[in-house]
N, C-alpha and C. Protein backbone atom coordinates (compact mmCIF):
# COMPACT_ATOMS: atom_id res chain seq x y z
N MET A 1 102.15 79.25 129.48
CA MET A 1 102.49 80.65 129.45
C MET A 1 103.10 81.04 128.10
N PHE A 2 103.98 80.19 127.59
CA PHE A 2 104.63 80.48 126.31
C PHE A 2 103.61 80.66 125.19
N GLU A 3 102.55 79.86 125.19
CA GLU A 3 101.54 79.92 124.13
C GLU A 3 100.90 81.31 124.04
N GLN A 4 100.78 82.02 125.15
CA GLN A 4 100.18 83.35 125.15
C GLN A 4 101.03 84.35 124.37
N PHE A 5 102.33 84.18 124.39
CA PHE A 5 103.24 85.14 123.77
C PHE A 5 103.73 84.71 122.39
N LYS A 6 103.51 83.46 122.03
CA LYS A 6 104.02 82.94 120.77
C LYS A 6 103.55 83.78 119.58
N GLY A 7 102.30 84.17 119.56
CA GLY A 7 101.75 84.95 118.45
C GLY A 7 102.32 86.35 118.34
N LEU A 8 102.87 86.88 119.42
CA LEU A 8 103.44 88.23 119.39
C LEU A 8 104.75 88.30 118.62
N PHE A 9 105.44 87.19 118.51
CA PHE A 9 106.77 87.19 117.90
C PHE A 9 106.83 86.42 116.59
N SER A 10 105.69 86.08 116.04
CA SER A 10 105.70 85.34 114.77
C SER A 10 104.80 86.05 113.76
N ASN A 11 105.14 85.88 112.50
CA ASN A 11 104.33 86.41 111.41
C ASN A 11 103.71 85.22 110.70
N ASP A 12 102.46 84.93 110.99
CA ASP A 12 101.77 83.83 110.33
C ASP A 12 101.27 84.31 108.98
N ILE A 13 101.71 83.62 107.93
CA ILE A 13 101.29 83.99 106.59
C ILE A 13 100.77 82.76 105.86
N GLY A 14 99.95 83.02 104.87
CA GLY A 14 99.45 81.97 103.99
C GLY A 14 99.68 82.42 102.56
N ILE A 15 100.11 81.51 101.71
CA ILE A 15 100.35 81.82 100.31
C ILE A 15 99.46 80.91 99.47
N ASP A 16 98.65 81.51 98.61
CA ASP A 16 97.79 80.77 97.70
C ASP A 16 98.33 80.94 96.29
N LEU A 17 98.93 79.89 95.76
CA LEU A 17 99.45 79.93 94.40
C LEU A 17 98.36 79.46 93.45
N GLY A 18 97.58 80.39 92.96
CA GLY A 18 96.49 80.04 92.06
C GLY A 18 96.93 80.05 90.62
N THR A 19 96.16 79.41 89.77
CA THR A 19 96.47 79.37 88.35
C THR A 19 96.39 80.78 87.75
N ALA A 20 95.41 81.57 88.16
CA ALA A 20 95.24 82.92 87.63
C ALA A 20 95.95 83.97 88.49
N ASN A 21 95.78 83.89 89.82
CA ASN A 21 96.35 84.88 90.73
C ASN A 21 97.00 84.21 91.93
N SER A 22 98.01 84.86 92.47
CA SER A 22 98.66 84.42 93.71
C SER A 22 98.35 85.44 94.79
N LEU A 23 98.07 84.93 96.00
CA LEU A 23 97.70 85.80 97.12
C LEU A 23 98.61 85.52 98.30
N VAL A 24 98.89 86.57 99.07
CA VAL A 24 99.61 86.43 100.33
C VAL A 24 98.71 87.00 101.42
N TYR A 25 98.44 86.19 102.43
CA TYR A 25 97.59 86.57 103.55
C TYR A 25 98.45 86.62 104.81
N VAL A 26 98.31 87.69 105.58
CA VAL A 26 99.01 87.83 106.85
C VAL A 26 97.96 87.93 107.95
N ARG A 27 98.15 87.13 108.99
CA ARG A 27 97.18 87.14 110.09
C ARG A 27 97.04 88.55 110.65
N ASP A 28 95.82 88.92 110.93
CA ASP A 28 95.44 90.22 111.49
C ASP A 28 95.55 91.37 110.50
N ARG A 29 96.04 91.09 109.28
CA ARG A 29 96.12 92.15 108.26
C ARG A 29 95.33 91.80 107.01
N GLY A 30 95.01 90.54 106.84
CA GLY A 30 94.26 90.10 105.67
C GLY A 30 95.17 89.89 104.47
N ILE A 31 94.58 90.00 103.28
CA ILE A 31 95.35 89.81 102.05
C ILE A 31 96.21 91.05 101.82
N VAL A 32 97.51 90.85 101.75
CA VAL A 32 98.44 91.97 101.59
C VAL A 32 99.02 92.03 100.18
N LEU A 33 98.83 90.97 99.41
CA LEU A 33 99.34 90.95 98.03
C LEU A 33 98.43 90.08 97.18
N ARG A 34 98.02 90.61 96.03
CA ARG A 34 97.21 89.87 95.07
C ARG A 34 97.75 90.24 93.69
N GLU A 35 98.42 89.30 93.07
CA GLU A 35 99.06 89.54 91.77
C GLU A 35 98.76 88.39 90.82
N PRO A 36 98.72 88.67 89.52
CA PRO A 36 98.57 87.58 88.55
C PRO A 36 99.73 86.59 88.67
N SER A 37 99.44 85.32 88.47
CA SER A 37 100.48 84.27 88.52
C SER A 37 101.17 84.18 87.17
N VAL A 38 101.93 85.21 86.86
CA VAL A 38 102.66 85.29 85.59
C VAL A 38 104.08 85.73 85.89
N VAL A 39 105.03 85.13 85.18
CA VAL A 39 106.44 85.45 85.36
C VAL A 39 107.06 85.68 83.99
N ALA A 40 107.84 86.74 83.85
CA ALA A 40 108.62 86.98 82.63
C ALA A 40 110.06 86.61 82.95
N ILE A 41 110.61 85.70 82.14
CA ILE A 41 111.99 85.25 82.36
C ILE A 41 112.81 85.44 81.10
N GLN A 42 114.10 85.48 81.28
CA GLN A 42 115.02 85.51 80.16
C GLN A 42 115.00 84.11 79.55
N ALA A 43 114.79 84.02 78.24
CA ALA A 43 114.66 82.73 77.56
C ALA A 43 115.85 81.82 77.86
N GLY A 44 115.54 80.56 78.14
CA GLY A 44 116.57 79.57 78.40
C GLY A 44 117.16 79.60 79.80
N THR A 45 116.64 80.46 80.66
CA THR A 45 117.14 80.58 82.04
C THR A 45 115.95 80.63 83.00
N THR A 46 116.25 80.76 84.28
CA THR A 46 115.21 81.05 85.28
C THR A 46 115.41 82.45 85.84
N ASN A 47 116.12 83.30 85.10
CA ASN A 47 116.36 84.68 85.50
C ASN A 47 115.07 85.48 85.36
N VAL A 48 114.46 85.86 86.48
CA VAL A 48 113.18 86.56 86.49
C VAL A 48 113.38 88.03 86.16
N LEU A 49 112.62 88.49 85.16
CA LEU A 49 112.68 89.90 84.76
C LEU A 49 111.48 90.69 85.28
N ALA A 50 110.34 90.03 85.41
CA ALA A 50 109.13 90.70 85.92
C ALA A 50 108.19 89.64 86.48
N VAL A 51 107.36 90.07 87.44
CA VAL A 51 106.40 89.17 88.10
C VAL A 51 105.07 89.89 88.21
N GLY A 52 103.99 89.13 88.21
CA GLY A 52 102.68 89.69 88.49
C GLY A 52 102.13 90.54 87.37
N GLU A 53 101.57 91.68 87.73
CA GLU A 53 100.90 92.56 86.76
C GLU A 53 101.84 93.00 85.65
N GLU A 54 103.07 93.34 85.99
CA GLU A 54 104.04 93.76 84.98
C GLU A 54 104.30 92.62 83.98
N ALA A 55 104.46 91.41 84.47
CA ALA A 55 104.69 90.26 83.59
C ALA A 55 103.44 89.95 82.77
N LYS A 56 102.26 90.12 83.35
CA LYS A 56 101.01 89.85 82.63
C LYS A 56 100.88 90.77 81.43
N ARG A 57 101.28 92.02 81.58
CA ARG A 57 101.22 92.96 80.45
C ARG A 57 102.16 92.54 79.32
N MET A 58 103.12 91.69 79.62
CA MET A 58 104.09 91.25 78.62
C MET A 58 103.62 90.01 77.85
N LEU A 59 102.57 89.34 78.34
CA LEU A 59 102.10 88.12 77.68
C LEU A 59 101.81 88.39 76.20
N GLY A 60 102.42 87.60 75.33
CA GLY A 60 102.20 87.74 73.89
C GLY A 60 102.85 88.95 73.25
N ARG A 61 103.64 89.70 74.01
CA ARG A 61 104.23 90.93 73.49
C ARG A 61 105.72 91.03 73.78
N THR A 62 106.39 89.92 73.96
CA THR A 62 107.80 89.95 74.35
C THR A 62 108.71 89.69 73.15
N PRO A 63 109.92 90.25 73.18
CA PRO A 63 110.90 89.92 72.14
C PRO A 63 111.37 88.47 72.33
N GLY A 64 112.11 87.96 71.39
CA GLY A 64 112.53 86.56 71.41
C GLY A 64 113.35 86.13 72.60
N ASN A 65 114.02 87.07 73.26
CA ASN A 65 114.87 86.69 74.39
C ASN A 65 114.14 86.74 75.74
N ILE A 66 112.85 87.08 75.74
CA ILE A 66 112.05 87.13 76.97
C ILE A 66 110.80 86.27 76.77
N VAL A 67 110.48 85.47 77.79
CA VAL A 67 109.31 84.61 77.75
C VAL A 67 108.43 84.93 78.95
N ALA A 68 107.16 85.26 78.71
CA ALA A 68 106.20 85.48 79.80
C ALA A 68 105.34 84.23 79.90
N ILE A 69 105.36 83.60 81.08
CA ILE A 69 104.65 82.33 81.25
C ILE A 69 103.82 82.32 82.53
N ARG A 70 102.89 81.39 82.57
CA ARG A 70 102.11 81.10 83.78
C ARG A 70 102.65 79.77 84.32
N PRO A 71 103.40 79.80 85.42
CA PRO A 71 104.02 78.57 85.91
C PRO A 71 103.05 77.59 86.57
N MET A 72 101.81 78.02 86.79
CA MET A 72 100.78 77.15 87.37
C MET A 72 99.82 76.74 86.26
N LYS A 73 99.52 75.46 86.17
CA LYS A 73 98.59 74.95 85.16
C LYS A 73 97.59 74.02 85.84
N ASP A 74 96.31 74.28 85.61
CA ASP A 74 95.24 73.43 86.16
C ASP A 74 95.38 73.20 87.66
N GLY A 75 95.80 74.23 88.38
CA GLY A 75 95.87 74.17 89.84
C GLY A 75 97.11 73.50 90.41
N VAL A 76 98.07 73.14 89.56
CA VAL A 76 99.30 72.52 90.05
C VAL A 76 100.51 73.27 89.50
N ILE A 77 101.64 73.11 90.16
CA ILE A 77 102.86 73.76 89.70
C ILE A 77 103.36 73.02 88.47
N ALA A 78 103.39 73.71 87.33
CA ALA A 78 103.84 73.12 86.08
C ALA A 78 105.34 73.34 85.87
N ASP A 79 105.86 74.43 86.41
CA ASP A 79 107.29 74.73 86.27
C ASP A 79 107.81 75.11 87.65
N PHE A 80 108.39 74.13 88.34
CA PHE A 80 108.80 74.32 89.72
C PHE A 80 109.87 75.40 89.86
N GLU A 81 110.88 75.39 88.99
CA GLU A 81 111.98 76.36 89.10
C GLU A 81 111.49 77.79 88.92
N VAL A 82 110.62 78.01 87.96
CA VAL A 82 110.10 79.37 87.73
C VAL A 82 109.19 79.78 88.88
N THR A 83 108.39 78.86 89.40
CA THR A 83 107.52 79.18 90.55
C THR A 83 108.37 79.54 91.76
N GLU A 84 109.44 78.80 91.99
CA GLU A 84 110.34 79.11 93.09
C GLU A 84 110.95 80.50 92.91
N SER A 85 111.37 80.83 91.70
CA SER A 85 111.94 82.15 91.43
C SER A 85 110.90 83.25 91.63
N MET A 86 109.65 82.98 91.25
CA MET A 86 108.57 83.95 91.41
C MET A 86 108.36 84.29 92.88
N LEU A 87 108.48 83.29 93.74
CA LEU A 87 108.25 83.51 95.17
C LEU A 87 109.37 84.31 95.84
N ARG A 88 110.52 84.30 95.25
CA ARG A 88 111.64 85.04 95.84
C ARG A 88 111.43 86.51 95.63
């Protein structure tokens, strides 16, 4: 009996951390978020200033105190701390 109601009270999601794009899928709603896998951080920290499309626009155009990076390389997490910050 419990199995019949379990799906009513849970939000099943899937997260695809791709090298180019990250996706969030929610059951019964499909893909709800598709953003570039790019993070802009304050240099020397993991302080996130921008994520996704906004951070992608900053690639190659940031002042010295801001770094725009792709934390995923060749399909694996290259910078765990920045990837964790991106997900928050």
